[in-house]
Amino acid sequence: MDFKENKPIYLQIVDKICGDIVSGVYQPETRIPSVREYAANLEVNANTVVRSFDFLQNKGIIYNKRGLGYFVVEGAPGIILEMRREIFMKEQLNEFFNEIDMLNISINEIVDLYNKRNK
C-alpha cells in the first residue's frame, strides 16, 4: 500500500479496511486479519494497526472476540457509508463549492459533466 503524506497512516489503513468491508472483501460477522498479519502485509508498525483497529472498534465497525481476533459488525457497510457521507458533506463538499466559486464554474456545468460521466 502506498501511503500519502497528507493523512496519518492509521487513518489510511482505516480507509482501506472500510473500503474492503464495503466492497465485500470482508463480510459482516467474518474475521479480519490480525494486527500482526495486517502490519506485516502493509509493512507498518503493529502499533499503527492497533490504532486503526481501535478507531474502527470505537466507530462500531469491528469488534474483538477475545482470543479469536477482530470481526466485522453486522451492518458495518451501512455504518461506513453513513460515516463517509457525513465526512464528505462536512469537509469535502464545502471545499468543492469554494473551488467552483473561485473558478467561476456554474452548477449547470457541473451537472452536465456529472451526467456525461454517468452515461
N, C-alpha and C. Protein backbone atom coordinates (compact mmCIF):
# COMPACT_ATOMS: atom_id res chain seq x y z
N MET A 1 0.85 -1.17 0.00
CA MET A 1 0.00 0.00 0.00
C MET A 1 0.89 1.24 0.00
N ASP A 2 0.62 2.16 -0.90
CA ASP A 2 1.35 3.41 -0.94
C ASP A 2 0.63 4.43 -0.07
N PHE A 3 1.35 4.99 0.89
CA PHE A 3 0.75 5.94 1.81
C PHE A 3 0.99 7.36 1.34
N LYS A 4 0.01 8.21 1.60
CA LYS A 4 0.08 9.63 1.24
C LYS A 4 0.66 10.40 2.41
N GLU A 5 1.26 11.52 2.11
CA GLU A 5 1.88 12.35 3.14
C GLU A 5 0.87 13.21 3.90
N ASN A 6 -0.29 13.48 3.30
CA ASN A 6 -1.22 14.46 3.86
C ASN A 6 -2.25 13.89 4.84
N LYS A 7 -2.12 12.61 5.19
CA LYS A 7 -3.08 11.97 6.08
C LYS A 7 -2.36 10.94 6.93
N PRO A 8 -2.66 10.87 8.24
CA PRO A 8 -1.99 9.89 9.09
C PRO A 8 -2.16 8.46 8.55
N ILE A 9 -1.11 7.66 8.69
CA ILE A 9 -1.12 6.30 8.16
C ILE A 9 -2.26 5.48 8.76
N TYR A 10 -2.49 5.63 10.07
CA TYR A 10 -3.55 4.81 10.69
C TYR A 10 -4.91 5.11 10.07
N LEU A 11 -5.16 6.36 9.67
CA LEU A 11 -6.43 6.68 9.02
C LEU A 11 -6.49 6.16 7.58
N GLN A 12 -5.35 6.07 6.92
CA GLN A 12 -5.32 5.48 5.59
C GLN A 12 -5.60 3.98 5.67
N ILE A 13 -5.12 3.35 6.74
CA ILE A 13 -5.43 1.93 6.96
C ILE A 13 -6.91 1.77 7.26
N VAL A 14 -7.47 2.67 8.06
CA VAL A 14 -8.91 2.66 8.33
C VAL A 14 -9.68 2.74 7.01
N ASP A 15 -9.28 3.66 6.14
CA ASP A 15 -9.95 3.80 4.84
C ASP A 15 -9.86 2.51 4.02
N LYS A 16 -8.71 1.87 4.06
CA LYS A 16 -8.52 0.62 3.30
C LYS A 16 -9.43 -0.48 3.83
N ILE A 17 -9.47 -0.64 5.14
CA ILE A 17 -10.32 -1.68 5.73
C ILE A 17 -11.78 -1.38 5.45
N CYS A 18 -12.17 -0.13 5.60
CA CYS A 18 -13.56 0.26 5.31
C CYS A 18 -13.91 -0.02 3.85
N GLY A 19 -13.01 0.31 2.95
CA GLY A 19 -13.24 0.03 1.54
C GLY A 19 -13.39 -1.46 1.28
N ASP A 20 -12.57 -2.25 1.97
CA ASP A 20 -12.66 -3.70 1.83
C ASP A 20 -13.98 -4.25 2.38
N ILE A 21 -14.48 -3.63 3.44
CA ILE A 21 -15.76 -4.07 4.02
C ILE A 21 -16.90 -3.71 3.07
N VAL A 22 -16.91 -2.48 2.58
CA VAL A 22 -17.98 -2.03 1.68
C VAL A 22 -17.98 -2.83 0.38
N SER A 23 -16.80 -3.16 -0.13
CA SER A 23 -16.72 -3.90 -1.40
C SER A 23 -16.93 -5.41 -1.23
N GLY A 24 -17.04 -5.86 0.02
CA GLY A 24 -17.34 -7.27 0.25
C GLY A 24 -16.14 -8.17 0.47
N VAL A 25 -14.94 -7.60 0.51
CA VAL A 25 -13.77 -8.42 0.80
C VAL A 25 -13.91 -9.05 2.19
N TYR A 26 -14.38 -8.23 3.15
CA TYR A 26 -14.68 -8.72 4.49
C TYR A 26 -16.18 -8.59 4.72
N GLN A 27 -16.83 -9.71 4.91
CA GLN A 27 -18.28 -9.75 5.11
C GLN A 27 -18.61 -9.55 6.58
N PRO A 28 -19.84 -9.06 6.87
CA PRO A 28 -20.26 -8.97 8.26
C PRO A 28 -20.15 -10.31 8.98
N GLU A 29 -19.72 -10.23 10.22
CA GLU A 29 -19.55 -11.39 11.11
C GLU A 29 -18.41 -12.32 10.69
N THR A 30 -17.51 -11.83 9.83
CA THR A 30 -16.32 -12.62 9.49
C THR A 30 -15.09 -11.95 10.09
N ARG A 31 -14.06 -12.73 10.29
CA ARG A 31 -12.82 -12.26 10.89
C ARG A 31 -12.00 -11.49 9.87
N ILE A 32 -11.37 -10.43 10.34
CA ILE A 32 -10.41 -9.70 9.51
C ILE A 32 -9.01 -10.16 9.94
N PRO A 33 -7.99 -9.88 9.13
CA PRO A 33 -6.64 -10.29 9.53
C PRO A 33 -6.25 -9.71 10.89
N SER A 34 -5.39 -10.42 11.58
CA SER A 34 -4.93 -9.96 12.90
C SER A 34 -4.07 -8.71 12.74
N VAL A 35 -3.82 -8.08 13.87
CA VAL A 35 -2.95 -6.89 13.87
C VAL A 35 -1.60 -7.23 13.26
N ARG A 36 -1.02 -8.35 13.69
CA ARG A 36 0.29 -8.74 13.17
C ARG A 36 0.25 -9.04 11.67
N GLU A 37 -0.78 -9.75 11.25
CA GLU A 37 -0.92 -10.07 9.81
C GLU A 37 -1.05 -8.79 8.99
N TYR A 38 -1.90 -7.90 9.45
CA TYR A 38 -2.12 -6.65 8.72
C TYR A 38 -0.86 -5.80 8.68
N ALA A 39 -0.17 -5.71 9.84
CA ALA A 39 1.07 -4.93 9.91
C ALA A 39 2.13 -5.49 8.97
N ALA A 40 2.28 -6.81 8.95
CA ALA A 40 3.27 -7.44 8.08
C ALA A 40 2.92 -7.23 6.61
N ASN A 41 1.64 -7.37 6.29
CA ASN A 41 1.18 -7.20 4.91
C ASN A 41 1.43 -5.78 4.40
N LEU A 42 1.20 -4.79 5.25
CA LEU A 42 1.36 -3.39 4.84
C LEU A 42 2.74 -2.83 5.14
N GLU A 43 3.56 -3.63 5.83
CA GLU A 43 4.91 -3.21 6.21
C GLU A 43 4.87 -1.94 7.06
N VAL A 44 4.03 -1.98 8.10
CA VAL A 44 3.94 -0.88 9.06
C VAL A 44 4.10 -1.44 10.46
N ASN A 45 4.30 -0.56 11.41
CA ASN A 45 4.41 -0.95 12.81
C ASN A 45 3.07 -1.49 13.30
N ALA A 46 3.10 -2.53 14.10
CA ALA A 46 1.87 -3.12 14.63
C ALA A 46 1.07 -2.12 15.46
N ASN A 47 1.76 -1.19 16.13
CA ASN A 47 1.05 -0.18 16.91
C ASN A 47 0.18 0.72 16.03
N THR A 48 0.61 0.94 14.81
CA THR A 48 -0.19 1.74 13.87
C THR A 48 -1.47 1.01 13.53
N VAL A 49 -1.38 -0.29 13.32
CA VAL A 49 -2.56 -1.10 13.02
C VAL A 49 -3.47 -1.18 14.24
N VAL A 50 -2.89 -1.30 15.42
CA VAL A 50 -3.69 -1.31 16.66
C VAL A 50 -4.51 -0.02 16.73
N ARG A 51 -3.88 1.08 16.42
CA ARG A 51 -4.58 2.38 16.44
C ARG A 51 -5.74 2.39 15.44
N SER A 52 -5.52 1.82 14.26
CA SER A 52 -6.57 1.73 13.24
C SER A 52 -7.72 0.86 13.73
N PHE A 53 -7.40 -0.30 14.29
CA PHE A 53 -8.42 -1.21 14.79
C PHE A 53 -9.20 -0.58 15.94
N ASP A 54 -8.50 0.14 16.83
CA ASP A 54 -9.18 0.83 17.93
C ASP A 54 -10.17 1.87 17.38
N PHE A 55 -9.75 2.60 16.37
CA PHE A 55 -10.61 3.60 15.75
C PHE A 55 -11.87 2.92 15.19
N LEU A 56 -11.67 1.84 14.45
CA LEU A 56 -12.80 1.12 13.85
C LEU A 56 -13.72 0.51 14.90
N GLN A 57 -13.14 0.03 15.98
CA GLN A 57 -13.94 -0.54 17.05
C GLN A 57 -14.76 0.56 17.73
N ASN A 58 -14.16 1.72 17.95
CA ASN A 58 -14.87 2.84 18.57
C ASN A 58 -16.00 3.37 17.69
N LYS A 59 -15.87 3.20 16.38
CA LYS A 59 -16.91 3.63 15.45
C LYS A 59 -17.99 2.55 15.26
N GLY A 60 -17.81 1.40 15.89
CA GLY A 60 -18.80 0.33 15.79
C GLY A 60 -18.76 -0.44 14.48
N ILE A 61 -17.57 -0.50 13.87
CA ILE A 61 -17.41 -1.18 12.57
C ILE A 61 -16.84 -2.58 12.75
N ILE A 62 -15.96 -2.76 13.71
CA ILE A 62 -15.42 -4.08 14.04
C ILE A 62 -15.54 -4.29 15.55
N TYR A 63 -15.42 -5.53 15.95
CA TYR A 63 -15.41 -5.85 17.38
C TYR A 63 -14.44 -6.98 17.62
N ASN A 64 -13.98 -7.09 18.86
CA ASN A 64 -12.98 -8.07 19.22
C ASN A 64 -13.64 -9.23 19.97
N LYS A 65 -13.40 -10.43 19.47
CA LYS A 65 -13.76 -11.64 20.21
C LYS A 65 -12.48 -12.11 20.87
N ARG A 66 -12.44 -11.97 22.17
CA ARG A 66 -11.21 -12.27 22.92
C ARG A 66 -10.66 -13.65 22.54
N GLY A 67 -9.41 -13.65 22.14
CA GLY A 67 -8.73 -14.88 21.78
C GLY A 67 -8.95 -15.33 20.34
N LEU A 68 -9.90 -14.71 19.66
CA LEU A 68 -10.21 -15.10 18.27
C LEU A 68 -9.84 -14.03 17.25
N GLY A 69 -9.83 -12.78 17.66
CA GLY A 69 -9.49 -11.70 16.75
C GLY A 69 -10.61 -10.71 16.56
N TYR A 70 -10.47 -9.92 15.52
CA TYR A 70 -11.45 -8.87 15.22
C TYR A 70 -12.40 -9.35 14.12
N PHE A 71 -13.67 -8.97 14.28
CA PHE A 71 -14.72 -9.36 13.35
C PHE A 71 -15.49 -8.13 12.89
N VAL A 72 -16.05 -8.23 11.69
CA VAL A 72 -16.84 -7.14 11.13
C VAL A 72 -18.23 -7.18 11.75
N VAL A 73 -18.70 -6.03 12.19
CA VAL A 73 -20.02 -5.90 12.79
C VAL A 73 -21.10 -6.08 11.72
N GLU A 74 -22.18 -6.73 12.09
CA GLU A 74 -23.35 -6.81 11.20
C GLU A 74 -23.81 -5.37 10.93
N GLY A 75 -24.03 -5.03 9.69
CA GLY A 75 -24.44 -3.67 9.34
C GLY A 75 -23.29 -2.70 9.14
N ALA A 76 -22.06 -3.20 9.21
CA ALA A 76 -20.89 -2.33 9.07
C ALA A 76 -20.85 -1.55 7.75
N PRO A 77 -21.22 -2.17 6.61
CA PRO A 77 -21.19 -1.39 5.36
C PRO A 77 -22.06 -0.13 5.43
N GLY A 78 -23.23 -0.24 6.02
CA GLY A 78 -24.10 0.92 6.17
C GLY A 78 -23.51 1.97 7.09
N ILE A 79 -22.88 1.53 8.18
CA ILE A 79 -22.23 2.46 9.11
C ILE A 79 -21.11 3.21 8.40
N ILE A 80 -20.34 2.49 7.61
CA ILE A 80 -19.22 3.09 6.88
C ILE A 80 -19.72 4.10 5.86
N LEU A 81 -20.73 3.73 5.09
CA LEU A 81 -21.25 4.65 4.08
C LEU A 81 -21.81 5.91 4.71
N GLU A 82 -22.50 5.78 5.82
CA GLU A 82 -23.03 6.95 6.52
C GLU A 82 -21.90 7.82 7.06
N MET A 83 -20.86 7.20 7.61
CA MET A 83 -19.71 7.93 8.13
C MET A 83 -19.01 8.69 7.00
N ARG A 84 -18.81 8.02 5.87
CA ARG A 84 -18.14 8.66 4.74
C ARG A 84 -18.99 9.78 4.14
N ARG A 85 -20.30 9.56 4.10
CA ARG A 85 -21.21 10.59 3.59
C ARG A 85 -21.13 11.84 4.47
N GLU A 86 -21.13 11.64 5.78
CA GLU A 86 -21.06 12.76 6.72
C GLU A 86 -19.76 13.54 6.55
N ILE A 87 -18.64 12.83 6.42
CA ILE A 87 -17.34 13.48 6.21
C ILE A 87 -17.35 14.25 4.90
N PHE A 88 -17.88 13.64 3.85
CA PHE A 88 -17.94 14.30 2.55
C PHE A 88 -18.75 15.58 2.63
N MET A 89 -19.93 15.50 3.26
CA MET A 89 -20.82 16.66 3.33
C MET A 89 -20.21 17.77 4.17
N LYS A 90 -19.51 17.44 5.24
CA LYS A 90 -18.95 18.45 6.14
C LYS A 90 -17.65 19.05 5.64
N GLU A 91 -16.82 18.23 5.01
CA GLU A 91 -15.47 18.67 4.67
C GLU A 91 -15.25 18.88 3.18
N GLN A 92 -15.42 17.84 2.42
CA GLN A 92 -15.04 17.89 1.01
C GLN A 92 -16.00 18.71 0.16
N LEU A 93 -17.27 18.63 0.44
CA LEU A 93 -18.24 19.35 -0.38
C LEU A 93 -18.06 20.86 -0.25
N ASN A 94 -17.78 21.34 0.95
CA ASN A 94 -17.55 22.77 1.16
C ASN A 94 -16.32 23.24 0.38
N GLU A 95 -15.26 22.44 0.41
CA GLU A 95 -14.06 22.77 -0.36
C GLU A 95 -14.37 22.80 -1.86
N PHE A 96 -15.17 21.84 -2.30
CA PHE A 96 -15.57 21.77 -3.71
C PHE A 96 -16.34 23.03 -4.11
N PHE A 97 -17.31 23.43 -3.29
CA PHE A 97 -18.09 24.63 -3.60
C PHE A 97 -17.20 25.87 -3.62
N ASN A 98 -16.28 25.98 -2.69
CA ASN A 98 -15.35 27.12 -2.69
C ASN A 98 -14.52 27.16 -3.97
N GLU A 99 -14.08 26.00 -4.41
CA GLU A 99 -13.25 25.92 -5.62
C GLU A 99 -14.05 26.30 -6.87
N ILE A 100 -15.27 25.79 -7.01
CA ILE A 100 -16.04 26.14 -8.22
C ILE A 100 -16.45 27.61 -8.20
N ASP A 101 -16.67 28.17 -7.01
CA ASP A 101 -16.94 29.62 -6.92
C ASP A 101 -15.73 30.42 -7.38
N MET A 102 -14.56 30.04 -6.89
CA MET A 102 -13.34 30.75 -7.23
C MET A 102 -13.05 30.66 -8.74
N LEU A 103 -13.34 29.51 -9.32
CA LEU A 103 -13.07 29.30 -10.75
C LEU A 103 -14.22 29.75 -11.64
N ASN A 104 -15.28 30.24 -11.01
CA ASN A 104 -16.45 30.72 -11.74
C ASN A 104 -17.04 29.63 -12.63
N ILE A 105 -17.20 28.44 -12.06
CA ILE A 105 -17.83 27.32 -12.76
C ILE A 105 -19.27 27.25 -12.29
N SER A 106 -20.19 27.21 -13.24
CA SER A 106 -21.61 27.19 -12.86
C SER A 106 -22.04 25.78 -12.44
N ILE A 107 -23.08 25.73 -11.66
CA ILE A 107 -23.63 24.44 -11.24
C ILE A 107 -24.15 23.67 -12.45
N ASN A 108 -24.62 24.38 -13.47
CA ASN A 108 -25.08 23.72 -14.70
C ASN A 108 -23.94 22.99 -15.40
N GLU A 109 -22.75 23.59 -15.40
CA GLU A 109 -21.59 22.93 -15.99
C GLU A 109 -21.26 21.65 -15.23
N ILE A 110 -21.36 21.73 -13.91
CA ILE A 110 -21.08 20.57 -13.07
C ILE A 110 -22.10 19.47 -13.34
N VAL A 111 -23.38 19.84 -13.41
CA VAL A 111 -24.43 18.86 -13.66
C VAL A 111 -24.22 18.21 -15.03
N ASP A 112 -23.88 19.00 -16.04
CA ASP A 112 -23.63 18.44 -17.37
C ASP A 112 -22.48 17.44 -17.34
N LEU A 113 -21.40 17.81 -16.68
CA LEU A 113 -20.25 16.91 -16.59
C LEU A 113 -20.62 15.63 -15.82
N TYR A 114 -21.38 15.80 -14.78
CA TYR A 114 -21.84 14.63 -13.99
C TYR A 114 -22.68 13.71 -14.85
N ASN A 115 -23.60 14.28 -15.58
CA ASN A 115 -24.48 13.46 -16.44
C ASN A 115 -23.70 12.75 -17.54
N LYS A 116 -22.71 13.41 -18.13
CA LYS A 116 -21.88 12.78 -19.15
C LYS A 116 -21.06 11.63 -18.56
N ARG A 117 -20.60 11.82 -17.35
CA ARG A 117 -19.81 10.80 -16.67
C ARG A 117 -20.62 9.54 -16.40
N ASN A 118 -21.88 9.69 -16.15
CA ASN A 118 -22.73 8.57 -15.77
C ASN A 118 -23.50 7.95 -16.94
N LYS A 119 -23.15 8.32 -18.16
CA LYS A 119 -23.83 7.72 -19.33
C LYS A 119 -23.14 6.45 -19.75
